[in-house]
N, C-alpha and C. Protein backbone atom coordinates (compact mmCIF):
# COMPACT_ATOMS: atom_id res chain seq x y z
N MET A 1 -3.29 3.64 37.29
CA MET A 1 -2.19 3.07 36.54
C MET A 1 -1.67 1.85 37.29
N PRO A 2 -1.58 0.72 36.59
CA PRO A 2 -1.11 -0.49 37.28
C PRO A 2 0.37 -0.39 37.64
N GLY A 3 0.70 -0.97 38.79
CA GLY A 3 2.09 -0.98 39.25
C GLY A 3 2.86 -2.12 38.61
N THR A 4 4.10 -2.31 39.06
CA THR A 4 4.96 -3.34 38.47
C THR A 4 4.44 -4.75 38.75
N THR A 5 3.91 -4.97 39.94
CA THR A 5 3.40 -6.31 40.28
C THR A 5 2.21 -6.66 39.40
N GLU A 6 1.31 -5.69 39.23
CA GLU A 6 0.14 -5.94 38.39
C GLU A 6 0.54 -6.18 36.93
N MET A 7 1.53 -5.42 36.46
CA MET A 7 2.00 -5.59 35.08
C MET A 7 2.62 -6.99 34.89
N MET A 8 3.34 -7.48 35.88
CA MET A 8 3.94 -8.82 35.78
C MET A 8 2.85 -9.89 35.74
N VAL A 9 1.81 -9.72 36.53
CA VAL A 9 0.71 -10.68 36.53
C VAL A 9 0.02 -10.66 35.16
N ILE A 10 -0.22 -9.48 34.64
CA ILE A 10 -0.85 -9.37 33.31
C ILE A 10 0.02 -10.02 32.24
N LEU A 11 1.33 -9.77 32.29
CA LEU A 11 2.26 -10.38 31.32
C LEU A 11 2.27 -11.90 31.45
N LEU A 12 2.24 -12.41 32.66
CA LEU A 12 2.22 -13.87 32.88
C LEU A 12 0.94 -14.47 32.30
N ILE A 13 -0.19 -13.82 32.54
CA ILE A 13 -1.46 -14.31 31.99
C ILE A 13 -1.43 -14.29 30.47
N ALA A 14 -0.86 -13.21 29.89
CA ALA A 14 -0.77 -13.12 28.43
C ALA A 14 0.09 -14.24 27.87
N VAL A 15 1.21 -14.54 28.52
CA VAL A 15 2.08 -15.63 28.06
C VAL A 15 1.34 -16.96 28.14
N LEU A 16 0.59 -17.18 29.20
CA LEU A 16 -0.15 -18.43 29.34
C LEU A 16 -1.26 -18.55 28.30
N LEU A 17 -1.94 -17.44 28.01
CA LEU A 17 -3.04 -17.47 27.05
C LEU A 17 -2.57 -17.58 25.60
N PHE A 18 -1.59 -16.76 25.23
CA PHE A 18 -1.21 -16.66 23.83
C PHE A 18 0.07 -17.42 23.48
N GLY A 19 0.89 -17.70 24.44
CA GLY A 19 2.16 -18.34 24.16
C GLY A 19 3.22 -17.29 23.89
N ALA A 20 4.47 -17.63 24.17
CA ALA A 20 5.57 -16.66 24.05
C ALA A 20 5.81 -16.27 22.60
N ASN A 21 5.53 -17.15 21.65
CA ASN A 21 5.80 -16.85 20.24
C ASN A 21 4.81 -15.85 19.65
N LYS A 22 3.59 -15.85 20.13
CA LYS A 22 2.55 -15.00 19.54
C LYS A 22 2.50 -13.59 20.13
N ILE A 23 3.10 -13.37 21.26
CA ILE A 23 3.02 -12.06 21.91
C ILE A 23 3.64 -10.95 21.05
N PRO A 24 4.83 -11.12 20.47
CA PRO A 24 5.37 -10.04 19.62
C PRO A 24 4.47 -9.73 18.41
N LYS A 25 3.90 -10.77 17.81
CA LYS A 25 2.99 -10.55 16.68
C LYS A 25 1.75 -9.80 17.13
N LEU A 26 1.23 -10.16 18.29
CA LEU A 26 0.04 -9.50 18.84
C LEU A 26 0.34 -8.03 19.14
N ALA A 27 1.51 -7.76 19.72
CA ALA A 27 1.90 -6.38 20.04
C ALA A 27 2.07 -5.57 18.75
N ARG A 28 2.67 -6.16 17.74
CA ARG A 28 2.88 -5.47 16.47
C ARG A 28 1.55 -5.12 15.81
N SER A 29 0.64 -6.08 15.77
CA SER A 29 -0.65 -5.82 15.14
C SER A 29 -1.47 -4.80 15.93
N THR A 30 -1.33 -4.81 17.25
CA THR A 30 -2.02 -3.81 18.08
C THR A 30 -1.46 -2.42 17.80
N GLY A 31 -0.15 -2.31 17.68
CA GLY A 31 0.48 -1.02 17.36
C GLY A 31 0.06 -0.50 16.00
N GLU A 32 0.00 -1.38 15.01
CA GLU A 32 -0.44 -0.98 13.67
C GLU A 32 -1.89 -0.52 13.68
N ALA A 33 -2.73 -1.22 14.41
CA ALA A 33 -4.14 -0.83 14.49
C ALA A 33 -4.29 0.54 15.17
N MET A 34 -3.51 0.78 16.21
CA MET A 34 -3.56 2.08 16.87
C MET A 34 -3.09 3.19 15.95
N GLY A 35 -2.06 2.92 15.14
CA GLY A 35 -1.56 3.90 14.18
C GLY A 35 -2.61 4.24 13.13
N GLU A 36 -3.29 3.22 12.61
CA GLU A 36 -4.35 3.44 11.62
C GLU A 36 -5.51 4.23 12.21
N PHE A 37 -5.85 3.92 13.44
CA PHE A 37 -6.93 4.65 14.12
C PHE A 37 -6.56 6.12 14.28
N GLN A 38 -5.32 6.39 14.66
CA GLN A 38 -4.90 7.77 14.85
C GLN A 38 -4.87 8.52 13.52
N LYS A 39 -4.44 7.87 12.44
CA LYS A 39 -4.46 8.52 11.12
C LYS A 39 -5.89 8.88 10.72
N GLY A 40 -6.81 7.97 10.93
CA GLY A 40 -8.20 8.22 10.61
C GLY A 40 -8.78 9.35 11.43
N ARG A 41 -8.44 9.40 12.69
CA ARG A 41 -8.92 10.46 13.57
C ARG A 41 -8.39 11.82 13.12
N GLU A 42 -7.11 11.87 12.75
CA GLU A 42 -6.52 13.12 12.28
C GLU A 42 -7.16 13.59 10.98
N GLU A 43 -7.46 12.66 10.08
CA GLU A 43 -8.12 13.02 8.82
C GLU A 43 -9.51 13.60 9.07
N VAL A 44 -10.25 12.99 9.97
CA VAL A 44 -11.59 13.49 10.28
C VAL A 44 -11.51 14.88 10.90
N GLU A 45 -10.57 15.08 11.83
CA GLU A 45 -10.40 16.40 12.45
C GLU A 45 -10.04 17.45 11.41
N GLN A 46 -9.17 17.07 10.46
CA GLN A 46 -8.76 18.00 9.41
C GLN A 46 -9.94 18.36 8.51
N GLU A 47 -10.76 17.39 8.15
CA GLU A 47 -11.93 17.66 7.32
C GLU A 47 -12.93 18.56 8.05
N LEU A 48 -13.13 18.32 9.34
CA LEU A 48 -14.04 19.17 10.11
C LEU A 48 -13.52 20.61 10.18
N GLU A 49 -12.22 20.76 10.35
CA GLU A 49 -11.64 22.10 10.40
C GLU A 49 -11.79 22.80 9.05
N GLU A 50 -11.59 22.07 7.96
CA GLU A 50 -11.77 22.65 6.63
C GLU A 50 -13.22 23.06 6.41
N MET A 51 -14.15 22.25 6.90
CA MET A 51 -15.56 22.59 6.76
C MET A 51 -15.89 23.85 7.54
N ARG A 52 -15.34 23.98 8.75
CA ARG A 52 -15.58 25.18 9.56
C ARG A 52 -15.00 26.41 8.88
N ASP A 53 -13.77 26.29 8.36
CA ASP A 53 -13.13 27.42 7.69
C ASP A 53 -13.88 27.78 6.42
N GLY A 54 -14.33 26.81 5.67
CA GLY A 54 -15.08 27.05 4.44
C GLY A 54 -16.41 27.72 4.74
N GLY A 55 -17.09 27.32 5.79
CA GLY A 55 -18.38 27.90 6.16
C GLY A 55 -18.21 29.35 6.60
N ALA A 56 -17.14 29.65 7.29
CA ALA A 56 -16.90 31.02 7.74
C ALA A 56 -16.60 31.92 6.54
N ALA A 57 -15.84 31.41 5.56
CA ALA A 57 -15.51 32.21 4.38
C ALA A 57 -16.77 32.45 3.55
N GLU A 58 -17.62 31.45 3.41
CA GLU A 58 -18.86 31.62 2.64
C GLU A 58 -19.79 32.61 3.33
N GLY A 59 -19.83 32.60 4.64
CA GLY A 59 -20.67 33.53 5.39
C GLY A 59 -20.18 34.97 5.20
N ALA A 60 -18.87 35.18 5.14
CA ALA A 60 -18.32 36.52 4.94
C ALA A 60 -18.65 37.00 3.53
N ASP A 61 -18.56 36.12 2.53
CA ASP A 61 -18.89 36.50 1.16
C ASP A 61 -20.35 36.89 1.05
N ALA A 62 -21.23 36.18 1.71
CA ALA A 62 -22.67 36.45 1.64
C ALA A 62 -22.98 37.80 2.26
N SER A 63 -22.32 38.15 3.35
CA SER A 63 -22.60 39.45 3.97
C SER A 63 -22.11 40.58 3.10
N THR A 64 -21.02 40.39 2.38
CA THR A 64 -20.51 41.42 1.46
C THR A 64 -21.49 41.64 0.33
N VAL A 65 -22.02 40.55 -0.21
CA VAL A 65 -22.98 40.64 -1.29
C VAL A 65 -24.24 41.34 -0.81
N ASP A 66 -24.72 41.00 0.37
CA ASP A 66 -25.93 41.62 0.91
C ASP A 66 -25.76 43.12 1.07
N SER A 67 -24.62 43.57 1.56
CA SER A 67 -24.43 45.01 1.78
C SER A 67 -24.33 45.75 0.45
N SER A 68 -23.74 45.15 -0.58
CA SER A 68 -23.66 45.82 -1.87
C SER A 68 -25.04 45.89 -2.52
N GLU A 69 -25.87 44.87 -2.33
CA GLU A 69 -27.22 44.90 -2.87
C GLU A 69 -28.05 45.98 -2.18
N SER A 70 -27.84 46.15 -0.87
CA SER A 70 -28.58 47.18 -0.14
C SER A 70 -28.20 48.56 -0.64
N THR A 71 -26.92 48.77 -0.94
CA THR A 71 -26.46 50.05 -1.44
C THR A 71 -27.07 50.35 -2.81
N GLU A 72 -27.11 49.32 -3.67
CA GLU A 72 -27.71 49.50 -5.01
C GLU A 72 -29.19 49.83 -4.90
N THR A 73 -29.90 49.18 -4.02
CA THR A 73 -31.33 49.41 -3.83
C THR A 73 -31.56 50.83 -3.33
N ALA A 74 -30.74 51.29 -2.39
CA ALA A 74 -30.89 52.65 -1.87
C ALA A 74 -30.61 53.68 -2.94
N THR A 75 -29.64 53.43 -3.81
CA THR A 75 -29.29 54.35 -4.87
C THR A 75 -30.42 54.44 -5.88
N GLU A 76 -31.03 53.31 -6.22
CA GLU A 76 -32.14 53.29 -7.17
C GLU A 76 -33.34 54.03 -6.60
N THR A 77 -33.59 53.92 -5.32
CA THR A 77 -34.72 54.56 -4.68
C THR A 77 -34.56 56.09 -4.69
N GLU A 78 -33.33 56.55 -4.47
CA GLU A 78 -33.06 57.98 -4.47
C GLU A 78 -33.25 58.58 -5.85
N THR A 79 -32.98 57.86 -6.89
CA THR A 79 -33.04 58.37 -8.24
C THR A 79 -34.40 58.50 -8.77
């Protein structure tokens, strides 16, 4: 993590490169971009979680169906 002296040097270089008027606009656009990135990341994580939950529910349904079919087959064989 940069200390105060390093941060001052970075700020001075930024002022020299971009000018004092453009720094607030640059900071605002950087903040907006970070917010959009975080929203996108959260949406992807939510979709992955839904896919995992959906896959687990489908797997449970399939095992229930398999066991009922096995019971029916055994009953038919006994008869």
